[in-house]
């Protein structure tokens, strides 16, 4: 059981966290004892002139520095362990149903002009997006949303994602590690500003400044060595020292402007650097990942460039010390070298950095899509029947948004034409349509689907399921449905394959007009390039097959045990022969026996 796997991972990491907490306590205690002992040994040794005590104080100072460094490393590991635990708990939430409490539900991506967003629960509370999303950055979340609304015509991109997700599913611990690394980023971190700033080259004559800095620094150091070791005149290094310091002060405002972005760039890239190192070590050697991860290695290795920028930021930060500023600029023109190297780094690496950030955004999408395979016992990668007439075949298909224990698997063997589904209230008609539609959306995104097998041709998905009126716009429920079906008919004239899902067709009008309108709509939407599924309570629509319209019938049914109504949620061939509305009215106390 996959749930047990993640429970074991969580327990093991929790035990690891306890060990780290004990280590932290020991480090704190050791630092608390060593520091005052070092001070006492230094003070007493100085007072009495004891070289042994002074040597002991030096040893204790070194020991204290080692303890501080190890404590810092331990704190970094503890933060990672905490993030790892949160990620493992997030996976376990997929089994308990607590994933519906996640604040990242993608509701902002839902569009009224895109009915499947709401009809198939792609975005919003208890949605596909909320279940899947493992993205921490805004770019990753945007890309995931685009993948769930992508047109089905770019199968090359879809197949590449399928191959990458399949490789990730073979390394569940790697996925946990990568998500935990990503959790170290600020929530919703927007990389666009960083990428734009990194790619923007610095203006001005920095090459000239670099040359001046190199010449004057070399001259100052050589003249100082001449004065120290070969009895040269001290006036020359003194004059050069003062000249260098004067130039540094004259260019100080420009130095501040030039180096101002360096600090936050280095901090942000340091966070990504740990992610890039994890990706470089990852055992992902397939062709799909070779293409996805390529920007991390070419034209320059991301981790190496990030390390260089971090060192440069540390060098620039040393300027804030007044004594260092005076000495470093007097002898070496330190500010000029920092500006020149920063300009060189941005010119050579800045444009490539945008590619690194896109790699991680794509990885967040792949980690999100892989969650289906990590948390479902039954899943399959869909097969695309490119270049064939419309087909959709599924075995044991279930909805992602229900637990596997609660879901009833159903099959589908659909070709061009219309399937009219009848059945009692709550018997599973709408859920069946949503299962096929949402699994098609996942398939086109490159994700595995919830089924034993799934095959389909690329088809545009059109839906009319969850319809509401618009009081402000003066649109009734019936008219809103008319507008949706009008769009379906307009798109169908293009001759491109379609998957059309209509629930309770024309429910918003009287029965006589509903049947007449539904007959005509079904005639227009029964096409050689469309798979159309319609649910209805109007049995008259089941007879369209006798009128020459290629319509098939299927139904869901119920049975009764005592005063209880029970459903098996299994689809069967043929039209429904029973109804349960009166029974439900009596159960609700609205109608007498």
Protein backbone atom coordinates (compact mmCIF):
# COMPACT_ATOMS: atom_id res chain seq x y z
CA UNK A 1 0.00 0.00 0.00
CA UNK A 2 1.36 3.39 -1.00
CA UNK A 3 -0.17 4.98 2.06
CA UNK A 4 1.92 2.71 4.27
CA UNK A 5 5.02 3.66 2.29
CA UNK A 6 4.56 7.36 3.02
CA UNK A 7 3.63 6.63 6.63
CA UNK A 8 6.96 4.81 7.00
CA UNK A 9 8.80 7.67 5.34
CA UNK A 10 7.15 10.15 7.72
CA UNK A 11 7.96 8.03 10.80
CA UNK A 12 11.60 7.57 9.75
CA UNK A 13 12.05 11.27 9.10
CA UNK A 14 10.35 12.08 12.42
CA UNK A 15 12.87 9.85 14.20
CA UNK A 16 15.64 11.63 12.31
CA UNK A 17 14.24 14.98 13.47
CA UNK A 18 14.38 13.79 17.09
CA UNK A 19 18.06 12.84 16.68
CA UNK A 20 18.80 16.25 15.19
CA UNK A 21 16.98 17.96 18.06
CA UNK A 22 19.15 16.05 20.55
CA UNK A 23 22.28 17.06 18.60
CA UNK A 24 21.14 20.68 18.65
CA UNK A 25 20.74 20.55 22.43
CA UNK A 26 24.28 19.19 22.79
CA UNK A 27 25.76 21.87 20.52
CA UNK A 28 24.00 24.63 22.45
CA UNK A 29 25.24 23.21 25.74
CA UNK A 30 28.80 22.83 24.42
CA UNK A 31 28.87 26.40 23.08
CA UNK A 32 27.51 27.70 26.36
CA UNK A 33 30.32 25.98 28.28
CA UNK A 34 33.22 26.57 25.87
CA UNK A 35 32.81 30.30 25.37
CA UNK A 36 33.07 31.38 29.06
CA UNK A 37 35.92 28.88 29.59
CA UNK A 38 37.76 30.45 26.66
CA UNK A 39 37.27 33.94 28.10
CA UNK A 40 38.37 32.83 31.59
CA UNK A 41 41.51 31.13 30.24
CA UNK A 42 42.40 34.14 28.09
CA UNK A 43 41.90 36.68 30.89
CA UNK A 44 43.70 34.66 33.56
CA UNK A 45 46.52 33.68 31.21
CA UNK A 46 47.05 37.34 30.25
CA UNK A 47 47.04 38.43 33.88
CA UNK A 48 49.58 35.87 35.07
CA UNK A 49 51.50 35.69 31.81
CA UNK A 50 50.82 31.95 31.37
CA UNK A 51 51.50 30.87 27.81
CA UNK A 52 49.87 27.51 28.49
CA UNK A 53 46.58 29.17 29.43
CA UNK A 54 46.79 31.48 26.43
CA UNK A 55 47.33 28.46 24.19
CA UNK A 56 44.36 26.77 25.88
CA UNK A 57 42.21 29.85 25.25
CA UNK A 58 43.26 29.77 21.59
CA UNK A 59 42.32 26.10 21.36
CA UNK A 60 38.95 26.81 23.01
CA UNK A 61 38.35 29.69 20.60
CA UNK A 62 39.01 27.35 17.68
CA UNK A 63 36.72 24.75 19.25
CA UNK A 64 34.01 27.38 19.69
CA UNK A 65 34.30 28.36 16.02
CA UNK A 66 34.00 24.71 14.99
CA UNK A 67 30.92 24.28 17.19
CA UNK A 68 29.31 27.38 15.70
CA UNK A 69 29.96 26.16 12.14
CA UNK A 70 28.59 22.69 12.86
CA UNK A 71 25.59 24.14 14.65
CA UNK A 72 24.79 26.25 11.59
CA UNK A 73 25.06 23.22 9.31
CA UNK A 74 22.81 21.29 11.68
CA UNK A 75 20.24 24.09 11.60
CA UNK A 76 20.20 23.92 7.78
CA UNK A 77 19.65 20.17 7.98
CA UNK A 78 16.89 20.66 10.56
CA UNK A 79 15.10 23.12 8.27
CA UNK A 80 15.34 20.62 5.43
CA UNK A 81 14.05 17.82 7.68
CA UNK A 82 11.09 19.97 8.70
CA UNK A 83 10.31 20.69 5.04
CA UNK A 84 10.65 16.96 4.24
CA UNK A 85 8.17 16.12 6.99
CA UNK A 86 5.71 18.69 5.64
CA UNK A 87 5.99 17.22 2.14
CA UNK A 88 5.46 13.68 3.42
CA UNK A 89 2.42 14.89 5.38
CA UNK A 90 1.17 16.54 2.18
CA UNK A 91 1.32 13.18 0.41
CA UNK A 92 -0.51 11.49 3.28
CA UNK A 93 -3.21 14.16 3.00
CA UNK A 94 -4.03 12.72 -0.44
CA UNK A 95 -5.11 9.51 1.28
CA UNK A 96 -7.05 11.12 4.14
CA UNK A 97 -8.82 13.78 2.09
CA UNK A 98 -7.18 16.66 3.96
CA UNK A 99 -5.67 17.91 0.68
CA UNK A 100 -8.92 19.82 0.18
CA UNK A 101 -7.79 22.21 2.92
CA UNK A 102 -4.77 23.41 0.92
CA UNK A 103 -4.95 27.17 0.25
CA UNK A 104 -3.39 26.68 -3.20
CA UNK A 105 -6.45 25.66 -5.20
CA UNK A 106 -5.87 27.58 -8.43
CA UNK A 107 -9.23 29.37 -8.23
CA UNK A 108 -7.63 32.43 -9.82
CA UNK A 109 -6.99 30.48 -13.02
CA UNK A 110 -10.65 29.59 -13.55
CA UNK A 111 -12.27 31.42 -16.47
CA UNK A 112 -15.96 31.80 -17.20
CA UNK A 113 -15.30 31.47 -20.92
CA UNK A 114 -13.75 28.04 -20.32
CA UNK A 115 -16.64 25.88 -18.97
CA UNK A 116 -14.52 22.74 -18.28
CA UNK A 117 -12.63 24.71 -15.61
CA UNK A 118 -15.70 24.52 -13.39
CA UNK A 119 -17.61 21.60 -14.90
CA UNK A 120 -14.70 19.18 -14.53
CA UNK A 121 -13.45 20.73 -11.27
CA UNK A 122 -10.09 21.67 -12.81
CA UNK A 123 -9.63 24.74 -10.60
CA UNK A 124 -11.02 25.85 -7.25
CA UNK A 125 -11.89 24.04 -4.04
CA UNK A 126 -11.61 20.22 -4.25
CA UNK A 127 -10.19 20.47 -7.78
CA UNK A 128 -7.64 18.66 -9.91
CA UNK A 129 -5.27 21.59 -9.48
CA UNK A 130 -5.58 21.52 -5.69
CA UNK A 131 -4.91 17.77 -5.60
CA UNK A 132 -1.91 17.95 -7.91
CA UNK A 133 -0.12 21.18 -7.11
CA UNK A 134 3.37 20.67 -5.71
CA UNK A 135 4.63 23.98 -7.11
CA UNK A 136 6.10 26.56 -4.77
CA UNK A 137 6.99 29.25 -7.33
CA UNK A 138 4.48 31.37 -9.21
CA UNK A 139 6.04 30.29 -12.50
CA UNK A 140 5.52 26.62 -11.59
CA UNK A 141 1.90 27.22 -10.62
CA UNK A 142 1.21 29.16 -13.81
CA UNK A 143 2.78 26.43 -15.91
CA UNK A 144 0.75 23.72 -14.16
CA UNK A 145 -2.44 25.68 -14.81
CA UNK A 146 -1.52 26.00 -18.49
CA UNK A 147 -0.88 22.25 -18.71
CA UNK A 148 -4.37 21.52 -17.38
CA UNK A 149 -5.97 23.78 -19.97
CA UNK A 150 -3.69 22.97 -22.88
CA UNK A 151 -5.05 22.12 -26.29
CA UNK A 152 -4.62 18.43 -27.13
CA UNK A 153 -2.84 19.01 -30.43
CA UNK A 154 0.79 19.26 -29.20
CA UNK A 155 1.34 15.58 -28.50
CA UNK A 156 5.13 15.83 -28.70
CA UNK A 157 5.22 17.99 -25.56
CA UNK A 158 2.66 15.72 -23.88
CA UNK A 159 4.63 12.55 -24.61
CA UNK A 160 7.83 14.16 -23.32
CA UNK A 161 6.08 14.94 -20.04
CA UNK A 162 4.69 11.41 -19.87
CA UNK A 163 8.19 9.96 -20.20
CA UNK A 164 9.58 12.35 -17.58
CA UNK A 165 6.75 11.62 -15.11
CA UNK A 166 7.20 7.88 -15.63
CA UNK A 167 10.89 8.22 -14.73
CA UNK A 168 10.05 10.26 -11.63
CA UNK A 169 7.62 7.58 -10.46
CA UNK A 170 10.55 5.15 -10.25
CA UNK A 171 12.22 7.47 -7.68
CA UNK A 172 9.64 8.42 -5.01
CA UNK A 173 12.29 9.44 -2.46
CA UNK A 174 13.89 11.76 -5.02
CA UNK A 175 10.50 13.42 -5.56
CA UNK A 176 10.16 13.95 -1.82
CA UNK A 177 13.65 15.44 -1.65
CA UNK A 178 13.07 17.80 -4.58
CA UNK A 179 9.76 19.00 -3.15
CA UNK A 180 11.42 19.53 0.24
CA UNK A 181 14.19 21.54 -1.44
CA UNK A 182 11.58 23.60 -3.23
CA UNK A 183 9.75 24.20 0.06
CA UNK A 184 12.72 26.33 1.13
CA UNK A 185 11.64 28.97 -1.40
CA UNK A 186 9.21 31.73 -0.40
CA UNK A 187 5.61 30.70 -1.03
CA UNK A 188 4.54 31.89 -4.47
CA UNK A 189 8.02 33.18 -5.29
CA UNK A 190 7.86 35.11 -8.55
CA UNK A 191 11.01 34.45 -10.60
CA UNK A 192 10.15 36.81 -13.46
CA UNK A 193 11.67 39.91 -11.85
CA UNK A 194 14.82 37.98 -10.92
CA UNK A 195 15.20 36.54 -14.43
CA UNK A 196 14.69 39.94 -16.06
CA UNK A 197 17.20 41.60 -13.74
CA UNK A 198 19.81 38.92 -14.27
CA UNK A 199 19.45 39.13 -18.04
CA UNK A 200 19.78 42.94 -18.09
CA UNK A 201 23.47 43.83 -18.80
CA UNK A 202 25.11 46.64 -16.83
CA UNK A 203 25.64 49.84 -18.78
CA UNK A 204 28.58 52.19 -18.77
CA UNK A 205 32.28 51.83 -19.37
CA UNK A 206 32.89 49.03 -16.88
CA UNK A 207 35.60 47.54 -19.07
CA UNK A 208 37.56 50.76 -18.73
CA UNK A 209 36.96 50.78 -14.97
CA UNK A 210 38.18 47.18 -14.77
CA UNK A 211 41.35 48.08 -16.66
CA UNK A 212 42.04 51.12 -14.46
CA UNK A 213 41.47 49.04 -11.32
CA UNK A 214 43.86 46.31 -12.47
CA UNK A 215 46.63 48.75 -13.44
CA UNK A 216 46.46 50.92 -10.30
CA UNK A 217 46.10 47.95 -7.92
CA UNK A 218 49.09 46.22 -9.52
CA UNK A 219 51.11 49.42 -9.38
CA UNK A 220 50.30 49.99 -5.70
CA UNK A 221 51.19 46.44 -4.65
CA UNK A 222 54.42 46.36 -6.70
CA UNK A 223 55.55 49.73 -5.35
CA UNK A 224 54.81 48.56 -1.81
CA UNK A 225 56.89 45.41 -2.34
CA UNK A 226 59.67 47.53 -3.84
CA UNK A 227 59.65 49.80 -0.77
CA UNK A 228 59.55 46.89 1.70
CA UNK A 229 62.15 44.57 0.21
CA UNK A 230 64.33 46.62 -2.14
CA UNK A 231 64.53 49.98 -0.32
CA UNK A 232 62.32 51.78 -2.81
CA UNK A 233 60.79 55.18 -2.02
CA UNK A 234 57.75 55.03 0.30
CA UNK A 235 56.27 58.13 -1.29
CA UNK A 236 55.19 56.15 -4.38
CA UNK A 237 53.02 53.48 -2.67
CA UNK A 238 51.63 56.17 -0.37
CA UNK A 239 50.63 58.35 -3.31
CA UNK A 240 49.09 55.39 -5.15
CA UNK A 241 47.23 54.35 -1.99
CA UNK A 242 45.71 57.82 -1.67
CA UNK A 243 44.88 57.95 -5.40
CA UNK A 244 43.11 54.57 -5.25
CA UNK A 245 41.14 55.55 -2.17
CA UNK A 246 40.16 58.86 -3.76
CA UNK A 247 38.90 57.08 -6.90
CA UNK A 248 36.94 54.59 -4.79
CA UNK A 249 35.27 57.44 -2.92
CA UNK A 250 34.56 59.35 -6.14
CA UNK A 251 32.90 56.30 -7.68
CA UNK A 252 31.16 55.28 -4.43
CA UNK A 253 27.60 56.37 -5.49
CA UNK A 254 27.95 54.46 -8.75
CA UNK A 255 29.33 51.42 -6.92
CA UNK A 256 26.31 51.40 -4.64
CA UNK A 257 23.91 51.54 -7.63
CA UNK A 258 25.77 48.84 -9.54
CA UNK A 259 26.12 46.39 -6.66
CA UNK A 260 22.73 47.07 -5.06
CA UNK A 261 20.97 44.08 -6.77
CA UNK A 262 23.84 41.72 -5.96
CA UNK A 263 22.76 40.94 -2.41
CA UNK A 264 19.21 39.81 -3.13
CA UNK A 265 20.25 38.07 -6.37
CA UNK A 266 22.79 35.98 -4.48
CA UNK A 267 20.30 35.16 -1.70
CA UNK A 268 17.63 34.02 -4.15
CA UNK A 269 20.03 32.06 -6.33
CA UNK A 270 21.52 30.45 -3.21
CA UNK A 271 18.09 28.93 -2.50
CA UNK A 272 17.88 27.66 -6.07
CA UNK A 273 21.48 26.47 -5.93
CA UNK A 274 20.57 23.69 -3.49
CA UNK A 275 17.79 22.62 -5.86
CA UNK A 276 20.14 22.68 -8.87
CA UNK A 277 22.69 20.54 -7.01
CA UNK A 278 19.97 18.00 -6.19
CA UNK A 279 18.95 17.91 -9.87
CA UNK A 280 22.56 17.47 -10.98
CA UNK A 281 22.92 14.45 -8.66
CA UNK A 282 19.52 13.00 -9.55
CA UNK A 283 19.51 9.61 -11.32
CA UNK A 284 17.38 10.94 -14.17
CA UNK A 285 19.04 9.79 -17.36
CA UNK A 286 16.15 9.41 -19.82
CA UNK A 287 15.96 11.35 -23.07
CA UNK A 288 13.08 13.47 -21.76
CA UNK A 289 15.04 14.65 -18.75
CA UNK A 290 18.14 15.14 -20.89
CA UNK A 291 16.24 17.84 -22.79
CA UNK A 292 14.54 19.30 -19.70
CA UNK A 293 17.70 19.59 -17.59
CA UNK A 294 20.02 20.69 -20.42
CA UNK A 295 19.93 24.43 -19.49
CA UNK A 296 21.48 23.57 -16.10
CA UNK A 297 24.68 22.43 -17.86
CA UNK A 298 24.94 24.51 -21.01
CA UNK A 299 26.28 27.11 -21.73
CA UNK A 300 27.54 27.17 -18.13
CA UNK A 301 26.96 24.88 -15.16
CA UNK A 302 24.25 26.46 -12.99
CA UNK A 303 25.71 25.44 -9.62
CA UNK A 304 29.18 26.71 -10.53
CA UNK A 305 27.86 30.08 -11.69
CA UNK A 306 25.65 30.38 -8.61
CA UNK A 307 28.60 29.63 -6.31
CA UNK A 308 30.65 32.33 -8.01
CA UNK A 309 27.88 34.87 -7.57
CA UNK A 310 27.56 33.93 -3.90
CA UNK A 311 31.30 34.45 -3.35
CA UNK A 312 31.11 37.79 -5.15
CA UNK A 313 28.22 38.85 -2.89
CA UNK A 314 30.30 37.91 0.16
CA UNK A 315 33.24 39.93 -1.16
CA UNK A 316 31.00 42.92 -1.82
CA UNK A 317 29.47 42.64 1.67
CA UNK A 318 32.95 42.94 3.23
CA UNK A 319 33.02 46.55 2.00
CA UNK A 320 30.57 47.48 4.75
CA UNK A 321 33.43 47.26 7.26
CA UNK A 322 35.08 50.71 7.33
CA UNK A 323 38.62 49.47 7.99
CA UNK A 324 38.34 46.85 5.23
CA UNK A 325 36.88 49.45 2.86
CA UNK A 326 39.83 51.81 3.35
CA UNK A 327 42.56 49.16 3.14
CA UNK A 328 41.03 47.08 0.33
CA UNK A 329 40.29 50.08 -1.87
CA UNK A 330 43.55 51.87 -1.05
CA UNK A 331 45.69 48.92 -2.03
CA UNK A 332 43.51 46.98 -4.49
CA UNK A 333 40.67 49.27 -5.67
CA UNK A 334 38.33 46.56 -4.37
CA UNK A 335 35.13 48.32 -5.49
CA UNK A 336 36.31 48.52 -9.10
CA UNK A 337 37.01 44.78 -9.19
CA UNK A 338 33.63 43.94 -7.65
CA UNK A 339 31.79 46.06 -10.23
CA UNK A 340 33.83 44.64 -13.11
CA UNK A 341 33.32 41.01 -12.06
CA UNK A 342 29.61 41.54 -11.45
CA UNK A 343 29.27 43.01 -14.93
CA UNK A 344 31.23 40.09 -16.41
CA UNK A 345 29.05 37.58 -14.54
CA UNK A 346 25.83 39.15 -15.76
CA UNK A 347 27.06 39.39 -19.34
CA UNK A 348 28.19 35.76 -19.45
CA UNK A 349 25.64 34.08 -17.19
CA UNK A 350 22.65 36.39 -16.73
CA UNK A 351 20.74 35.29 -19.83
CA UNK A 352 21.27 31.61 -18.96
CA UNK A 353 19.81 32.10 -15.47
CA UNK A 354 16.30 32.51 -16.90
CA UNK A 355 16.67 29.02 -18.38
CA UNK A 356 17.64 27.59 -14.97
CA UNK A 357 14.53 29.05 -13.39
CA UNK A 358 12.36 27.63 -16.19
CA UNK A 359 13.88 24.20 -15.56
CA UNK A 360 12.68 24.29 -11.98
CA UNK A 361 9.23 25.57 -13.01
CA UNK A 362 8.93 22.60 -15.39
CA UNK A 363 10.18 20.24 -12.66
CA UNK A 364 7.43 21.54 -10.37
CA UNK A 365 4.87 20.66 -13.05
CA UNK A 366 6.31 17.15 -13.43
CA UNK A 367 6.39 16.60 -9.66
CA UNK A 368 2.75 17.72 -9.52
CA UNK A 369 1.64 15.39 -12.32
CA UNK A 370 3.58 12.52 -10.74
CA UNK A 371 1.49 12.77 -7.57
CA UNK A 372 -1.20 10.67 -9.22
CA UNK A 373 1.16 7.73 -9.64
CA UNK A 374 2.58 8.21 -6.14
CA UNK A 375 -0.79 8.21 -4.40
CA UNK A 376 -3.00 5.88 -6.49
CA UNK A 377 -2.72 2.13 -6.52
CA UNK A 378 -4.34 1.92 -9.97
CA UNK A 379 -3.13 4.29 -12.65
CA UNK A 380 -2.02 4.16 -16.27
CA UNK A 381 -0.31 6.37 -18.80
CA UNK A 382 -2.80 7.03 -21.59
CA UNK A 383 -2.14 5.99 -25.14
CA UNK A 384 -2.81 8.59 -27.84
CA UNK A 385 -4.42 7.32 -31.03
CA UNK A 386 -3.11 10.07 -33.25
CA UNK A 387 -4.48 10.30 -36.78
CA UNK A 388 -7.49 8.06 -36.10
CA UNK A 389 -11.23 8.81 -35.96
CA UNK A 390 -12.48 9.90 -32.51
CA UNK A 391 -12.13 7.13 -29.95
CA UNK A 392 -12.04 6.89 -26.17
CA UNK A 393 -11.42 3.57 -24.48
CA UNK A 394 -11.05 3.10 -20.75
CA UNK A 395 -10.93 0.18 -18.36
CA UNK A 396 -11.60 0.69 -14.68
CA UNK A 397 -11.68 4.50 -14.88
CA UNK A 398 -12.26 6.34 -11.59
CA UNK A 399 -12.31 10.00 -10.51
CA UNK A 400 -9.10 11.42 -9.04
CA UNK A 401 -11.03 13.57 -6.59
CA UNK A 402 -12.54 10.57 -4.78
CA UNK A 403 -10.55 8.09 -2.74
CA UNK A 404 -9.95 4.77 -4.47
CA UNK A 405 -11.94 2.98 -1.76
CA UNK A 406 -15.02 5.15 -2.39
CA UNK A 407 -14.81 5.19 -6.20
CA UNK A 408 -16.51 2.68 -8.48
CA UNK A 409 -14.51 1.90 -11.63
CA UNK A 410 -16.28 2.01 -15.00
CA UNK A 411 -15.31 1.18 -18.55
CA UNK A 412 -15.81 3.13 -21.76
CA UNK A 413 -15.68 2.07 -25.41
CA UNK A 414 -16.70 5.17 -27.31
CA UNK A 415 -16.44 6.12 -30.96
CA UNK A 416 -17.92 8.96 -33.00
CA UNK A 417 -21.59 9.38 -32.28
CA UNK A 418 -23.81 10.12 -29.31
CA UNK A 419 -24.29 8.18 -26.08
CA UNK A 420 -27.51 9.01 -24.23
CA UNK A 421 -27.28 8.06 -20.54
CA UNK A 422 -30.40 7.72 -18.42
CA UNK A 423 -30.77 6.76 -14.81
CA UNK A 424 -32.18 7.72 -11.47
CA UNK A 425 -31.06 10.72 -9.46
CA UNK A 426 -27.68 10.24 -7.73
CA UNK A 427 -27.03 7.03 -9.66
CA UNK A 428 -23.70 8.23 -11.17
CA UNK A 429 -24.49 9.73 -14.58
CA UNK A 430 -22.76 13.08 -14.04
CA UNK A 431 -19.82 11.50 -12.25
CA UNK A 432 -19.26 9.16 -15.18
CA UNK A 433 -19.02 12.08 -17.60
CA UNK A 434 -16.68 13.94 -15.28
CA UNK A 435 -14.45 10.85 -14.94
CA UNK A 436 -13.97 10.68 -18.70
CA UNK A 437 -13.57 14.44 -19.12
CA UNK A 438 -11.14 14.97 -16.22
CA UNK A 439 -9.03 11.95 -17.21
CA UNK A 440 -8.85 13.36 -20.75
CA UNK A 441 -7.61 16.68 -19.29
CA UNK A 442 -4.97 14.83 -17.25
CA UNK A 443 -3.97 12.82 -20.30
CA UNK A 444 -3.37 15.91 -22.42
CA UNK A 445 -1.36 17.45 -19.56
CA UNK A 446 1.04 14.48 -19.66
CA UNK A 447 -0.09 12.93 -16.37
CA UNK A 448 -1.05 9.35 -15.61
CA UNK A 449 -4.80 8.82 -15.32
CA UNK A 450 -6.94 6.94 -12.83
CA UNK A 451 -7.69 3.81 -14.83
CA UNK A 452 -6.26 0.37 -15.57
CA UNK A 453 -5.91 1.47 -19.20
CA UNK A 454 -6.87 4.56 -21.15
CA UNK A 455 -6.61 5.38 -24.85
CA UNK A 456 -8.00 8.31 -26.76
CA UNK A 457 -7.56 10.48 -29.81
CA UNK A 458 -6.73 14.17 -29.39
CA UNK A 459 -10.08 15.93 -28.94
CA UNK A 460 -11.16 19.39 -27.81
CA UNK A 461 -13.20 19.02 -24.62
CA UNK A 462 -16.51 20.94 -24.49
CA UNK A 463 -18.83 20.71 -21.48
CA UNK A 464 -22.23 21.82 -20.27
CA UNK A 465 -22.58 20.38 -16.79
CA UNK A 466 -22.55 22.95 -13.99
CA UNK A 467 -24.63 25.85 -15.26
CA UNK A 468 -25.97 28.82 -13.31
CA UNK A 469 -27.89 31.93 -14.21
CA UNK A 470 -26.40 35.42 -14.29
CA UNK A 471 -28.72 37.94 -12.66
CA UNK A 472 -26.42 40.88 -13.38
CA UNK A 473 -26.16 39.92 -17.03
CA UNK A 474 -29.85 39.03 -17.34
CA UNK A 475 -29.07 35.46 -18.42
CA UNK A 476 -31.24 32.56 -17.25
CA UNK A 477 -30.00 29.03 -16.71
CA UNK A 478 -31.69 27.89 -19.89
CA UNK A 479 -30.20 30.69 -21.97
CA UNK A 480 -26.74 30.08 -20.46
CA UNK A 481 -26.98 26.46 -21.59
CA UNK A 482 -28.11 27.55 -25.05
CA UNK A 483 -25.01 29.72 -25.35
CA UNK A 484 -22.76 26.81 -24.44
CA UNK A 485 -24.36 24.47 -26.97
CA UNK A 486 -24.20 27.23 -29.58
CA UNK A 487 -20.41 27.39 -29.04
CA UNK A 488 -20.19 23.60 -29.41
CA UNK A 489 -22.06 23.73 -32.72
CA UNK A 490 -19.92 26.63 -33.95
CA UNK A 491 -16.68 24.78 -33.12
CA UNK A 492 -17.97 21.56 -34.66
CA UNK A 493 -18.11 23.30 -38.07
CA UNK A 494 -14.28 23.34 -38.05
CA UNK A 495 -14.31 19.57 -38.43
CA UNK A 496 -11.81 19.04 -35.60
CA UNK A 497 -12.31 16.13 -33.16
CA UNK A 498 -14.42 16.91 -30.10
CA UNK A 499 -15.42 15.34 -26.80
CA UNK A 500 -18.80 16.84 -25.84
CA UNK A 501 -20.29 16.32 -22.37
CA UNK A 502 -23.81 17.62 -21.66
CA UNK A 503 -25.53 16.94 -18.35
CA UNK A 504 -29.35 17.03 -18.04
CA UNK A 505 -29.76 18.72 -21.40
CA UNK A 506 -32.01 21.81 -21.31
CA UNK A 507 -33.09 21.18 -17.73
CA UNK A 508 -34.00 24.85 -17.36
CA UNK A 509 -37.15 24.79 -19.50
CA UNK A 510 -40.48 22.93 -19.67
CA UNK A 511 -40.58 19.30 -20.69
CA UNK A 512 -42.20 19.83 -24.11
CA UNK A 513 -39.69 22.48 -25.25
CA UNK A 514 -36.85 20.56 -23.62
CA UNK A 515 -37.49 17.41 -25.64
CA UNK A 516 -37.88 19.29 -28.94
CA UNK A 517 -34.73 21.38 -28.31
CA UNK A 518 -32.72 18.39 -27.08
CA UNK A 519 -33.63 16.32 -30.15
CA UNK A 520 -32.41 19.08 -32.46
CA UNK A 521 -29.23 19.74 -30.43
CA UNK A 522 -28.34 16.04 -30.41
CA UNK A 523 -28.90 15.81 -34.17
CA UNK A 524 -26.53 18.73 -34.75
CA UNK A 525 -23.89 17.40 -32.33
CA UNK A 526 -23.94 13.81 -33.55
CA UNK A 527 -21.03 14.09 -35.94
CA UNK A 528 -18.40 11.81 -37.49
CA UNK A 529 -15.67 13.81 -35.71
CA UNK A 530 -17.27 14.06 -32.25
CA UNK A 531 -17.95 11.83 -29.27
CA UNK A 532 -21.03 13.26 -27.59
CA UNK A 533 -22.35 12.12 -24.20
CA UNK A 534 -25.72 13.41 -23.00
CA UNK A 535 -27.47 12.59 -19.74
CA UNK A 536 -31.20 13.04 -19.42
CA UNK A 537 -34.36 12.01 -17.59
CA UNK A 538 -36.36 12.26 -20.82
CA UNK A 539 -36.71 8.73 -22.12
CA UNK A 540 -37.98 10.09 -25.44
CA UNK A 541 -34.39 10.96 -26.36
CA UNK A 542 -33.47 7.28 -26.18
CA UNK A 543 -35.53 6.67 -29.35
CA UNK A 544 -33.43 8.88 -31.62
CA UNK A 545 -31.62 5.78 -32.86
CA UNK A 546 -34.84 4.64 -34.54
CA UNK A 547 -34.89 7.90 -36.49
CA UNK A 548 -31.55 7.27 -38.15
CA UNK A 549 -29.40 9.25 -35.68
CA UNK A 550 -26.36 7.17 -34.54
CA UNK A 551 -27.30 7.21 -30.87
CA UNK A 552 -26.49 4.50 -28.32
CA UNK A 553 -28.14 4.14 -24.92
CA UNK A 554 -26.70 3.37 -21.51
CA UNK A 555 -28.02 3.69 -17.98
CA UNK A 556 -27.34 3.56 -14.27
CA UNK A 557 -29.79 1.91 -11.90
CA UNK A 558 -30.53 1.42 -8.22
CA UNK A 559 -32.04 -1.22 -5.95
CA UNK A 560 -33.87 -1.10 -2.66
CA UNK A 561 -33.34 -2.81 0.67
CA UNK A 562 -36.11 -2.06 3.13
CA UNK A 563 -36.46 1.70 3.33
CA UNK A 564 -33.02 2.31 1.82
CA UNK A 565 -32.13 3.15 -1.76
CA UNK A 566 -28.78 1.75 -2.90
CA UNK A 567 -26.64 2.38 -5.98
CA UNK A 568 -23.81 0.35 -7.46
CA UNK A 569 -22.72 3.23 -9.78
CA UNK A 570 -22.03 0.81 -12.64
CA UNK A 571 -22.99 1.76 -16.17
CA UNK A 572 -25.02 -0.73 -18.20
CA UNK A 573 -26.12 -0.87 -21.81
CA UNK A 574 -29.60 0.16 -22.84
CA UNK A 575 -32.07 2.68 -21.47
CA UNK A 576 -33.14 2.93 -17.84
CA UNK A 577 -36.46 1.34 -16.85
CA UNK A 578 -36.84 2.74 -13.35
CA UNK A 579 -37.08 6.10 -11.57
CA UNK A 580 -36.58 7.07 -7.95
CA UNK A 581 -37.80 10.67 -7.71
CA UNK A 582 -41.06 9.75 -5.95
CA UNK A 583 -39.20 7.48 -3.55
CA UNK A 584 -36.78 10.27 -2.67
CA UNK A 585 -39.69 12.69 -2.16
CA UNK A 586 -41.27 10.27 0.28
CA UNK A 587 -37.95 9.79 2.08
CA UNK A 588 -37.65 13.57 2.46
CA UNK A 589 -41.20 13.75 3.89
CA UNK A 590 -42.43 15.89 1.01
CA UNK A 591 -44.80 13.27 -0.42
CA UNK A 592 -47.05 10.81 1.36
CA UNK A 593 -47.04 7.07 0.69
